Amino acid sequence: MTRLRTVVAVALLLAASPSFAAKKALATAERIDVNRASVVELMRLPGVGRKKAEAIAAHRVRAPFRRLEDLLSVKGVSPSWLEKQRPHLTAGPPSPVTSGPPARPRP
């Protein structure tokens, strides 16, 4: 019975390992560009889960971030959160995908 519990515990840990792998810690000088980072990359920020990362990604589709303070318009982002994350963030030029509506094909 004890062996069965051990096997089940190991199996559960192995099943959960992909979610642990997605949360790879940031290096000391590493910065995440809020205009270009994927949801998974945004989730690497300390204290950022899928919901907040998706909110950031959804907001930048409507209006790319010109400066880090623009993140305050995202639901769930507070001034104190922004100050804690500031060393890990940058707001570079928006990627072509998030810079506006898709181009219309020429006739």
PDB file of N, CA and C in Angstrom:
ATOM      1  N   MET A   1       0.816  -1.191   0.000  1.00  0.00           N
ATOM      2  CA  MET A   1       0.000   0.000   0.000  1.00  0.00           C
ATOM      3  C   MET A   1       0.867   1.265   0.000  1.00  0.00           C
ATOM      4  N   THR A   2       1.945   1.267   0.795  1.00  0.00           N
ATOM      5  CA  THR A   2       2.847   2.417   0.840  1.00  0.00           C
ATOM      6  C   THR A   2       3.530   2.603  -0.508  1.00  0.00           C
ATOM      7  N   ARG A   3       3.894   1.513  -1.141  1.00  0.00           N
ATOM      8  CA  ARG A   3       4.543   1.587  -2.454  1.00  0.00           C
ATOM      9  C   ARG A   3       3.583   2.186  -3.491  1.00  0.00           C
ATOM     10  N   LEU A   4       2.317   1.814  -3.408  1.00  0.00           N
ATOM     11  CA  LEU A   4       1.315   2.346  -4.318  1.00  0.00           C
ATOM     12  C   LEU A   4       1.163   3.861  -4.130  1.00  0.00           C
ATOM     13  N   ARG A   5       1.144   4.308  -2.897  1.00  0.00           N
ATOM     14  CA  ARG A   5       1.063   5.745  -2.634  1.00  0.00           C
ATOM     15  C   ARG A   5       2.265   6.480  -3.207  1.00  0.00           C
ATOM     16  N   THR A   6       3.440   5.903  -3.077  1.00  0.00           N
ATOM     17  CA  THR A   6       4.653   6.514  -3.616  1.00  0.00           C
ATOM     18  C   THR A   6       4.573   6.620  -5.131  1.00  0.00           C
ATOM     19  N   VAL A   7       4.120   5.553  -5.774  1.00  0.00           N
ATOM     20  CA  VAL A   7       3.994   5.552  -7.234  1.00  0.00           C
ATOM     21  C   VAL A   7       2.981   6.612  -7.676  1.00  0.00           C
ATOM     22  N   VAL A   8       1.872   6.704  -6.984  1.00  0.00           N
ATOM     23  CA  VAL A   8       0.853   7.698  -7.325  1.00  0.00           C
ATOM     24  C   VAL A   8       1.404   9.106  -7.127  1.00  0.00           C
ATOM     25  N   ALA A   9       2.118   9.344  -6.048  1.00  0.00           N
ATOM     26  CA  ALA A   9       2.696  10.664  -5.782  1.00  0.00           C
ATOM     27  C   ALA A   9       3.690  11.051  -6.866  1.00  0.00           C
ATOM     28  N   VAL A  10       4.534  10.106  -7.276  1.00  0.00           N
ATOM     29  CA  VAL A  10       5.510  10.386  -8.341  1.00  0.00           C
ATOM     30  C   VAL A  10       4.794  10.672  -9.648  1.00  0.00           C
ATOM     31  N   ALA A  11       3.755   9.907  -9.943  1.00  0.00           N
ATOM     32  CA  ALA A  11       2.996  10.128 -11.174  1.00  0.00           C
ATOM     33  C   ALA A  11       2.354  11.510 -11.181  1.00  0.00           C
ATOM     34  N   LEU A  12       1.810  11.940 -10.060  1.00  0.00           N
ATOM     35  CA  LEU A  12       1.214  13.267  -9.984  1.00  0.00           C
ATOM     36  C   LEU A  12       2.251  14.373 -10.171  1.00  0.00           C
ATOM     37  N   LEU A  13       3.418  14.190  -9.603  1.00  0.00           N
ATOM     38  CA  LEU A  13       4.491  15.178  -9.777  1.00  0.00           C
ATOM     39  C   LEU A  13       4.940  15.256 -11.227  1.00  0.00           C
ATOM     40  N   LEU A  14       5.057  14.115 -11.878  1.00  0.00           N
ATOM     41  CA  LEU A  14       5.458  14.111 -13.283  1.00  0.00           C
ATOM     42  C   LEU A  14       4.394  14.756 -14.159  1.00  0.00           C
ATOM     43  N   ALA A  15       3.136  14.542 -13.838  1.00  0.00           N
ATOM     44  CA  ALA A  15       2.058  15.154 -14.611  1.00  0.00           C
ATOM     45  C   ALA A  15       2.043  16.672 -14.442  1.00  0.00           C
ATOM     46  N   ALA A  16       2.440  17.150 -13.291  1.00  0.00           N
ATOM     47  CA  ALA A  16       2.446  18.590 -13.025  1.00  0.00           C
ATOM     48  C   ALA A  16       3.708  19.278 -13.523  1.00  0.00           C
ATOM     49  N   SER A  17       4.716  18.540 -13.909  1.00  0.00           N
ATOM     50  CA  SER A  17       6.004  19.133 -14.274  1.00  0.00           C
ATOM     51  C   SER A  17       5.944  20.102 -15.448  1.00  0.00           C
ATOM     52  N   PRO A  18       5.079  19.926 -16.474  1.00  0.00           N
ATOM     53  CA  PRO A  18       5.036  20.943 -17.530  1.00  0.00           C
ATOM     54  C   PRO A  18       4.664  22.326 -17.000  1.00  0.00           C
ATOM     55  N   SER A  19       3.774  22.398 -16.019  1.00  0.00           N
ATOM     56  CA  SER A  19       3.416  23.708 -15.483  1.00  0.00           C
ATOM     57  C   SER A  19       4.562  24.308 -14.681  1.00  0.00           C
ATOM     58  N   PHE A  20       5.362  23.467 -14.029  1.00  0.00           N
ATOM     59  CA  PHE A  20       6.534  23.970 -13.320  1.00  0.00           C
ATOM     60  C   PHE A  20       7.580  24.455 -14.310  1.00  0.00           C
ATOM     61  N   ALA A  21       7.725  23.776 -15.431  1.00  0.00           N
ATOM     62  CA  ALA A  21       8.722  24.157 -16.429  1.00  0.00           C
ATOM     63  C   ALA A  21       8.391  25.517 -17.040  1.00  0.00           C
ATOM     64  N   ALA A  22       7.110  25.832 -17.191  1.00  0.00           N
ATOM     65  CA  ALA A  22       6.711  27.105 -17.785  1.00  0.00           C
ATOM     66  C   ALA A  22       7.073  28.281 -16.876  1.00  0.00           C
ATOM     67  N   LYS A  23       7.249  28.042 -15.610  1.00  0.00           N
ATOM     68  CA  LYS A  23       7.544  29.106 -14.651  1.00  0.00           C
ATOM     69  C   LYS A  23       9.042  29.180 -14.386  1.00  0.00           C
ATOM     70  N   LYS A  24       9.840  29.209 -15.439  1.00  0.00           N
ATOM     71  CA  LYS A  24      11.290  29.329 -15.322  1.00  0.00           C
ATOM     72  C   LYS A  24      11.619  30.717 -14.783  1.00  0.00           C
ATOM     73  N   ALA A  25      12.428  30.767 -13.748  1.00  0.00           N
ATOM     74  CA  ALA A  25      12.765  32.042 -13.104  1.00  0.00           C
ATOM     75  C   ALA A  25      13.572  32.942 -14.041  1.00  0.00           C
ATOM     76  N   LEU A  26      13.404  34.241 -13.860  1.00  0.00           N
ATOM     77  CA  LEU A  26      14.157  35.221 -14.646  1.00  0.00           C
ATOM     78  C   LEU A  26      15.585  35.325 -14.131  1.00  0.00           C
ATOM     79  N   ALA A  27      16.510  35.541 -15.043  1.00  0.00           N
ATOM     80  CA  ALA A  27      17.887  35.826 -14.646  1.00  0.00           C
ATOM     81  C   ALA A  27      17.920  37.239 -14.047  1.00  0.00           C
ATOM     82  N   THR A  28      18.965  37.555 -13.331  1.00  0.00           N
ATOM     83  CA  THR A  28      19.069  38.833 -12.630  1.00  0.00           C
ATOM     84  C   THR A  28      18.867  40.031 -13.550  1.00  0.00           C
ATOM     85  N   ALA A  29      19.525  40.066 -14.682  1.00  0.00           N
ATOM     86  CA  ALA A  29      19.445  41.223 -15.572  1.00  0.00           C
ATOM     87  C   ALA A  29      18.429  41.028 -16.702  1.00  0.00           C
ATOM     88  N   GLU A  30      17.702  39.936 -16.693  1.00  0.00           N
ATOM     89  CA  GLU A  30      16.751  39.653 -17.771  1.00  0.00           C
ATOM     90  C   GLU A  30      15.515  40.539 -17.651  1.00  0.00           C
ATOM     91  N   ARG A  31      15.051  41.045 -18.795  1.00  0.00           N
ATOM     92  CA  ARG A  31      13.872  41.899 -18.820  1.00  0.00           C
ATOM     93  C   ARG A  31      12.878  41.347 -19.832  1.00  0.00           C
ATOM     94  N   ILE A  32      11.614  41.500 -19.525  1.00  0.00           N
ATOM     95  CA  ILE A  32      10.532  41.039 -20.386  1.00  0.00           C
ATOM     96  C   ILE A  32       9.913  42.261 -21.058  1.00  0.00           C
ATOM     97  N   ASP A  33       9.797  42.221 -22.386  1.00  0.00           N
ATOM     98  CA  ASP A  33       9.175  43.306 -23.137  1.00  0.00           C
ATOM     99  C   ASP A  33       7.663  43.088 -23.137  1.00  0.00           C
ATOM    100  N   VAL A  34       6.928  43.979 -22.491  1.00  0.00           N
ATOM    101  CA  VAL A  34       5.485  43.803 -22.350  1.00  0.00           C
ATOM    102  C   VAL A  34       4.736  43.937 -23.673  1.00  0.00           C
ATOM    103  N   ASN A  35       5.364  44.490 -24.696  1.00  0.00           N
ATOM    104  CA  ASN A  35       4.721  44.605 -26.001  1.00  0.00           C
ATOM    105  C   ASN A  35       4.974  43.405 -26.899  1.00  0.00           C
ATOM    106  N   ARG A  36       5.916  42.572 -26.566  1.00  0.00           N
ATOM    107  CA  ARG A  36       6.267  41.451 -27.437  1.00  0.00           C
ATOM    108  C   ARG A  36       6.208  40.079 -26.763  1.00  0.00           C
ATOM    109  N   ALA A  37       6.194  40.035 -25.460  1.00  0.00           N
ATOM    110  CA  ALA A  37       6.261  38.766 -24.730  1.00  0.00           C
ATOM    111  C   ALA A  37       4.981  37.955 -24.892  1.00  0.00           C
ATOM    112  N   SER A  38       5.145  36.647 -24.976  1.00  0.00           N
ATOM    113  CA  SER A  38       3.988  35.757 -25.014  1.00  0.00           C
ATOM    114  C   SER A  38       3.396  35.654 -23.606  1.00  0.00           C
ATOM    115  N   VAL A  39       2.237  35.044 -23.505  1.00  0.00           N
ATOM    116  CA  VAL A  39       1.596  34.845 -22.206  1.00  0.00           C
ATOM    117  C   VAL A  39       2.509  34.016 -21.307  1.00  0.00           C
ATOM    118  N   VAL A  40       3.123  32.977 -21.857  1.00  0.00           N
ATOM    119  CA  VAL A  40       4.015  32.124 -21.066  1.00  0.00           C
ATOM    120  C   VAL A  40       5.220  32.918 -20.574  1.00  0.00           C
ATOM    121  N   GLU A  41       5.769  33.777 -21.420  1.00  0.00           N
ATOM    122  CA  GLU A  41       6.903  34.605 -20.987  1.00  0.00           C
ATOM    123  C   GLU A  41       6.479  35.580 -19.886  1.00  0.00           C
ATOM    124  N   LEU A  42       5.309  36.180 -20.015  1.00  0.00           N
ATOM    125  CA  LEU A  42       4.823  37.095 -18.984  1.00  0.00           C
ATOM    126  C   LEU A  42       4.606  36.367 -17.662  1.00  0.00           C
ATOM    127  N   MET A  43       4.227  35.104 -17.729  1.00  0.00           N
ATOM    128  CA  MET A  43       4.007  34.320 -16.520  1.00  0.00           C
ATOM    129  C   MET A  43       5.306  34.047 -15.771  1.00  0.00           C
ATOM    130  N   ARG A  44       6.446  34.270 -16.398  1.00  0.00           N
ATOM    131  CA  ARG A  44       7.725  34.096 -15.720  1.00  0.00           C
ATOM    132  C   ARG A  44       7.995  35.208 -14.713  1.00  0.00           C
ATOM    133  N   LEU A  45       7.268  36.295 -14.805  1.00  0.00           N
ATOM    134  CA  LEU A  45       7.428  37.389 -13.844  1.00  0.00           C
ATOM    135  C   LEU A  45       6.960  36.919 -12.471  1.00  0.00           C
ATOM    136  N   PRO A  46       7.650  37.324 -11.417  1.00  0.00           N
ATOM    137  CA  PRO A  46       7.252  36.909 -10.072  1.00  0.00           C
ATOM    138  C   PRO A  46       5.821  37.337  -9.754  1.00  0.00           C
ATOM    139  N   GLY A  47       4.998  36.406  -9.327  1.00  0.00           N
ATOM    140  CA  GLY A  47       3.635  36.705  -8.932  1.00  0.00           C
ATOM    141  C   GLY A  47       2.651  36.896 -10.060  1.00  0.00           C
ATOM    142  N   VAL A  48       3.020  36.544 -11.288  1.00  0.00           N
ATOM    143  CA  VAL A  48       2.113  36.701 -12.431  1.00  0.00           C
ATOM    144  C   VAL A  48       1.618  35.328 -12.857  1.00  0.00           C
ATOM    145  N   GLY A  49       0.312  35.165 -12.810  1.00  0.00           N
ATOM    146  CA  GLY A  49      -0.309  33.928 -13.259  1.00  0.00           C
ATOM    147  C   GLY A  49      -0.872  34.088 -14.650  1.00  0.00           C
ATOM    148  N   ARG A  50      -1.540  33.054 -15.116  1.00  0.00           N
ATOM    149  CA  ARG A  50      -2.093  33.066 -16.471  1.00  0.00           C
ATOM    150  C   ARG A  50      -3.101  34.202 -16.656  1.00  0.00           C
ATOM    151  N   LYS A  51      -3.960  34.436 -15.685  1.00  0.00           N
ATOM    152  CA  LYS A  51      -5.011  35.444 -15.834  1.00  0.00           C
ATOM    153  C   LYS A  51      -4.430  36.845 -16.046  1.00  0.00           C
ATOM    154  N   LYS A  52      -3.462  37.232 -15.234  1.00  0.00           N
ATOM    155  CA  LYS A  52      -2.865  38.564 -15.368  1.00  0.00           C
ATOM    156  C   LYS A  52      -2.051  38.658 -16.657  1.00  0.00           C
ATOM    157  N   ALA A  53      -1.328  37.587 -17.014  1.00  0.00           N
ATOM    158  CA  ALA A  53      -0.551  37.593 -18.255  1.00  0.00           C
ATOM    159  C   ALA A  53      -1.468  37.729 -19.463  1.00  0.00           C
ATOM    160  N   GLU A  54      -2.602  37.044 -19.453  1.00  0.00           N
ATOM    161  CA  GLU A  54      -3.556  37.155 -20.560  1.00  0.00           C
ATOM    162  C   GLU A  54      -4.177  38.544 -20.613  1.00  0.00           C
ATOM    163  N   ALA A  55      -4.415  39.161 -19.453  1.00  0.00           N
ATOM    164  CA  ALA A  55      -4.966  40.516 -19.425  1.00  0.00           C
ATOM    165  C   ALA A  55      -3.986  41.513 -20.031  1.00  0.00           C
ATOM    166  N   ILE A  56      -2.709  41.358 -19.742  1.00  0.00           N
ATOM    167  CA  ILE A  56      -1.681  42.240 -20.314  1.00  0.00           C
ATOM    168  C   ILE A  56      -1.624  42.059 -21.822  1.00  0.00           C
ATOM    169  N   ALA A  57      -1.610  40.801 -22.279  1.00  0.00           N
ATOM    170  CA  ALA A  57      -1.532  40.521 -23.715  1.00  0.00           C
ATOM    171  C   ALA A  57      -2.777  41.038 -24.442  1.00  0.00           C
ATOM    172  N   ALA A  58      -3.950  40.894 -23.843  1.00  0.00           N
ATOM    173  CA  ALA A  58      -5.186  41.365 -24.474  1.00  0.00           C
ATOM    174  C   ALA A  58      -5.214  42.891 -24.556  1.00  0.00           C
ATOM    175  N   HIS A  59      -4.726  43.551 -23.522  1.00  0.00           N
ATOM    176  CA  HIS A  59      -4.738  45.018 -23.509  1.00  0.00           C
ATOM    177  C   HIS A  59      -3.833  45.586 -24.594  1.00  0.00           C
ATOM    178  N   ARG A  60      -2.669  45.004 -24.781  1.00  0.00           N
ATOM    179  CA  ARG A  60      -1.727  45.568 -25.761  1.00  0.00           C
ATOM    180  C   ARG A  60      -2.204  45.404 -27.197  1.00  0.00           C
ATOM    181  N   VAL A  61      -3.159  44.495 -27.438  1.00  0.00           N
ATOM    182  CA  VAL A  61      -3.726  44.374 -28.782  1.00  0.00           C
ATOM    183  C   VAL A  61      -4.523  45.637 -29.105  1.00  0.00           C
ATOM    184  N   ARG A  62      -5.248  46.139 -28.113  1.00  0.00           N
ATOM    185  CA  ARG A  62      -6.031  47.367 -28.307  1.00  0.00           C
ATOM    186  C   ARG A  62      -5.149  48.607 -28.327  1.00  0.00           C
ATOM    187  N   ALA A  63      -4.165  48.648 -27.421  1.00  0.00           N
ATOM    188  CA  ALA A  63      -3.300  49.822 -27.298  1.00  0.00           C
ATOM    189  C   ALA A  63      -1.939  49.370 -26.770  1.00  0.00           C
ATOM    190  N   PRO A  64      -0.909  49.330 -27.628  1.00  0.00           N
ATOM    191  CA  PRO A  64       0.427  48.939 -27.156  1.00  0.00           C
ATOM    192  C   PRO A  64       0.900  49.874 -26.046  1.00  0.00           C
ATOM    193  N   PHE A  65       1.741  49.352 -25.189  1.00  0.00           N
ATOM    194  CA  PHE A  65       2.266  50.116 -24.066  1.00  0.00           C
ATOM    195  C   PHE A  65       3.394  51.025 -24.550  1.00  0.00           C
ATOM    196  N   ARG A  66       3.234  52.335 -24.375  1.00  0.00           N
ATOM    197  CA  ARG A  66       4.289  53.276 -24.756  1.00  0.00           C
ATOM    198  C   ARG A  66       5.328  53.408 -23.642  1.00  0.00           C
ATOM    199  N   ARG A  67       4.865  53.239 -22.409  1.00  0.00           N
ATOM    200  CA  ARG A  67       5.753  53.290 -21.242  1.00  0.00           C
ATOM    201  C   ARG A  67       5.192  52.310 -20.212  1.00  0.00           C
ATOM    202  N   LEU A  68       5.997  51.958 -19.238  1.00  0.00           N
ATOM    203  CA  LEU A  68       5.576  50.960 -18.259  1.00  0.00           C
ATOM    204  C   LEU A  68       4.354  51.410 -17.456  1.00  0.00           C
ATOM    205  N   GLU A  69       4.215  52.688 -17.226  1.00  0.00           N
ATOM    206  CA  GLU A  69       3.080  53.190 -16.456  1.00  0.00           C
ATOM    207  C   GLU A  69       1.747  52.889 -17.138  1.00  0.00           C
ATOM    208  N   ASP A  70       1.765  52.653 -18.452  1.00  0.00           N
ATOM    209  CA  ASP A  70       0.543  52.311 -19.174  1.00  0.00           C
ATOM    210  C   ASP A  70      -0.032  50.971 -18.700  1.00  0.00           C
ATOM    211  N   LEU A  71       0.795  50.152 -18.072  1.00  0.00           N
ATOM    212  CA  LEU A  71       0.315  48.878 -17.532  1.00  0.00           C
ATOM    213  C   LEU A  71      -0.748  49.086 -16.457  1.00  0.00           C
ATOM    214  N   LEU A  72      -0.770  50.257 -15.837  1.00  0.00           N
ATOM    215  CA  LEU A  72      -1.739  50.529 -14.770  1.00  0.00           C
ATOM    216  C   LEU A  72      -3.179  50.509 -15.275  1.00  0.00           C
ATOM    217  N   SER A  73      -3.377  50.596 -16.590  1.00  0.00           N
ATOM    218  CA  SER A  73      -4.735  50.531 -17.133  1.00  0.00           C
ATOM    219  C   SER A  73      -5.214  49.093 -17.318  1.00  0.00           C
ATOM    220  N   VAL A  74      -4.367  48.118 -17.023  1.00  0.00           N
ATOM    221  CA  VAL A  74      -4.742  46.701 -17.106  1.00  0.00           C
ATOM    222  C   VAL A  74      -5.374  46.294 -15.785  1.00  0.00           C
ATOM    223  N   LYS A  75      -6.510  45.632 -15.868  1.00  0.00           N
ATOM    224  CA  LYS A  75      -7.193  45.174 -14.651  1.00  0.00           C
ATOM    225  C   LYS A  75      -6.275  44.234 -13.877  1.00  0.00           C
ATOM    226  N   GLY A  76      -6.126  44.507 -12.583  1.00  0.00           N
ATOM    227  CA  GLY A  76      -5.294  43.665 -11.728  1.00  0.00           C
ATOM    228  C   GLY A  76      -3.876  44.172 -11.548  1.00  0.00           C
ATOM    229  N   VAL A  77      -3.518  45.238 -12.247  1.00  0.00           N
ATOM    230  CA  VAL A  77      -2.177  45.811 -12.111  1.00  0.00           C
ATOM    231  C   VAL A  77      -2.276  47.067 -11.247  1.00  0.00           C
ATOM    232  N   SER A  78      -1.574  47.037 -10.128  1.00  0.00           N
ATOM    233  CA  SER A  78      -1.590  48.164  -9.197  1.00  0.00           C
ATOM    234  C   SER A  78      -0.246  48.886  -9.231  1.00  0.00           C
ATOM    235  N   PRO A  79      -0.188  50.110  -8.709  1.00  0.00           N
ATOM    236  CA  PRO A  79       1.097  50.821  -8.650  1.00  0.00           C
ATOM    237  C   PRO A  79       2.161  50.040  -7.877  1.00  0.00           C
ATOM    238  N   SER A  80       1.774  49.388  -6.792  1.00  0.00           N
ATOM    239  CA  SER A  80       2.774  48.629  -6.024  1.00  0.00           C
ATOM    240  C   SER A  80       3.269  47.418  -6.811  1.00  0.00           C
ATOM    241  N   TRP A  81       2.373  46.763  -7.550  1.00  0.00           N
ATOM    242  CA  TRP A  81       2.783  45.631  -8.389  1.00  0.00           C
ATOM    243  C   TRP A  81       3.781  46.103  -9.439  1.00  0.00           C
ATOM    244  N   LEU A  82       3.457  47.233 -10.078  1.00  0.00           N
ATOM    245  CA  LEU A  82       4.329  47.765 -11.122  1.00  0.00           C
ATOM    246  C   LEU A  82       5.715  48.091 -10.571  1.00  0.00           C
ATOM    247  N   GLU A  83       5.793  48.680  -9.401  1.00  0.00           N
ATOM    248  CA  GLU A  83       7.094  49.029  -8.820  1.00  0.00           C
ATOM    249  C   GLU A  83       7.914  47.780  -8.501  1.00  0.00           C
ATOM    250  N   LYS A  84       7.258  46.714  -8.061  1.00  0.00           N
ATOM    251  CA  LYS A  84       7.976  45.462  -7.788  1.00  0.00           C
ATOM    252  C   LYS A  84       8.495  44.832  -9.073  1.00  0.00           C
ATOM    253  N   GLN A  85       7.723  44.963 -10.159  1.00  0.00           N
ATOM    254  CA  GLN A  85       8.076  44.323 -11.433  1.00  0.00           C
ATOM    255  C   GLN A  85       8.985  45.187 -12.312  1.00  0.00           C
ATOM    256  N   ARG A  86       9.066  46.473 -12.035  1.00  0.00           N
ATOM    257  CA  ARG A  86       9.797  47.411 -12.898  1.00  0.00           C
ATOM    258  C   ARG A  86      11.199  46.938 -13.292  1.00  0.00           C
ATOM    259  N   PRO A  87      11.993  46.352 -12.378  1.00  0.00           N
ATOM    260  CA  PRO A  87      13.333  45.912 -12.786  1.00  0.00           C
ATOM    261  C   PRO A  87      13.319  44.789 -13.833  1.00  0.00           C
ATOM    262  N   HIS A  88      12.187  44.121 -13.969  1.00  0.00           N
ATOM    263  CA  HIS A  88      12.084  42.986 -14.887  1.00  0.00           C
ATOM    264  C   HIS A  88      11.391  43.338 -16.188  1.00  0.00           C
ATOM    265  N   LEU A  89      10.946  44.585 -16.350  1.00  0.00           N
ATOM    266  CA  LEU A  89      10.101  44.963 -17.483  1.00  0.00           C
ATOM    267  C   LEU A  89      10.752  45.994 -18.386  1.00  0.00           C
ATOM    268  N   THR A  90      10.325  45.967 -19.632  1.00  0.00           N
ATOM    269  CA  THR A  90      10.648  47.004 -20.593  1.00  0.00           C
ATOM    270  C   THR A  90       9.458  47.135 -21.533  1.00  0.00           C
ATOM    271  N   ALA A  91       9.287  48.310 -22.122  1.00  0.00           N
ATOM    272  CA  ALA A  91       8.196  48.541 -23.077  1.00  0.00           C
ATOM    273  C   ALA A  91       8.813  48.989 -24.388  1.00  0.00           C
ATOM    274  N   GLY A  92       9.219  48.022 -25.180  1.00  0.00           N
ATOM    275  CA  GLY A  92       9.820  48.312 -26.474  1.00  0.00           C
ATOM    276  C   GLY A  92       8.765  48.623 -27.508  1.00  0.00           C
ATOM    277  N   PRO A  93       9.194  48.800 -28.748  1.00  0.00           N
ATOM    278  CA  PRO A  93       8.213  49.075 -29.807  1.00  0.00           C
ATOM    279  C   PRO A  93       7.265  47.887 -29.955  1.00  0.00           C
ATOM    280  N   PRO A  94       6.010  48.152 -30.258  1.00  0.00           N
ATOM    281  CA  PRO A  94       5.055  47.053 -30.387  1.00  0.00           C
ATOM    282  C   PRO A  94       5.412  46.139 -31.549  1.00  0.00           C
ATOM    283  N   SER A  95       5.077  44.881 -31.391  1.00  0.00           N
ATOM    284  CA  SER A  95       5.309  43.936 -32.479  1.00  0.00           C
ATOM    285  C   SER A  95       4.294  44.209 -33.574  1.00  0.00           C
ATOM    286  N   PRO A  96       4.578  43.819 -34.804  1.00  0.00           N
ATOM    287  CA  PRO A  96       3.645  44.074 -35.901  1.00  0.00           C
ATOM    288  C   PRO A  96       2.271  43.455 -35.657  1.00  0.00           C
ATOM    289  N   VAL A  97       2.223  42.373 -34.909  1.00  0.00           N
ATOM    290  CA  VAL A  97       0.953  41.706 -34.638  1.00  0.00           C
ATOM    291  C   VAL A  97       0.069  42.549 -33.744  1.00  0.00           C
ATOM    292  N   THR A  98       0.654  43.308 -32.813  1.00  0.00           N
ATOM    293  CA  THR A  98      -0.137  44.078 -31.855  1.00  0.00           C
ATOM    294  C   THR A  98      -0.214  45.553 -32.193  1.00  0.00           C
ATOM    295  N   SER A  99       0.242  45.965 -33.366  1.00  0.00           N
ATOM    296  CA  SER A  99       0.299  47.387 -33.654  1.00  0.00           C
ATOM    297  C   SER A  99      -0.971  47.934 -34.297  1.00  0.00           C
ATOM    298  N   GLY A 100      -1.998  47.165 -34.439  1.00  0.00           N
ATOM    299  CA  GLY A 100      -3.244  47.693 -34.983  1.00  0.00           C
ATOM    300  C   GLY A 100      -3.973  46.624 -35.769  1.00  0.00           C
ATOM    301  N   PRO A 101      -4.996  47.039 -36.507  1.00  0.00           N
ATOM    302  CA  PRO A 101      -5.775  46.071 -37.269  1.00  0.00           C
ATOM    303  C   PRO A 101      -4.939  45.477 -38.394  1.00  0.00           C
ATOM    304  N   PRO A 102      -5.296  44.288 -38.851  1.00  0.00           N
ATOM    305  CA  PRO A 102      -4.526  43.670 -39.927  1.00  0.00           C
ATOM    306  C   PRO A 102      -4.617  44.478 -41.217  1.00  0.00           C
ATOM    307  N   ALA A 103      -3.581  44.392 -41.993  1.00  0.00           N
ATOM    308  CA  ALA A 103      -3.546  45.106 -43.267  1.00  0.00           C
ATOM    309  C   ALA A 103      -4.583  44.498 -44.222  1.00  0.00           C
ATOM    310  N   ARG A 104      -5.189  45.350 -45.012  1.00  0.00           N
ATOM    311  CA  ARG A 104      -6.166  44.876 -45.993  1.00  0.00           C
ATOM    312  C   ARG A 104      -5.438  44.436 -47.242  1.00  0.00           C
ATOM    313  N   PRO A 105      -5.838  43.327 -47.823  1.00  0.00           N
ATOM    314  CA  PRO A 105      -5.179  42.884 -49.064  1.00  0.00           C
ATOM    315  C   PRO A 105      -5.479  43.847 -50.188  1.00  0.00           C
ATOM    316  N   ARG A 106      -4.513  44.042 -51.042  1.00  0.00           N
ATOM    317  CA  ARG A 106      -4.699  44.944 -52.197  1.00  0.00           C
ATOM    318  C   ARG A 106      -5.414  44.186 -53.304  1.00  0.00           C
ATOM    319  N   PRO A 107      -6.305  44.879 -53.998  1.00  0.00           N
ATOM    320  CA  PRO A 107      -7.036  44.205 -55.095  1.00  0.00           C
ATOM    321  C   PRO A 107      -6.158  43.928 -56.287  1.00  0.00           C
TER     322      PRO A 107
END
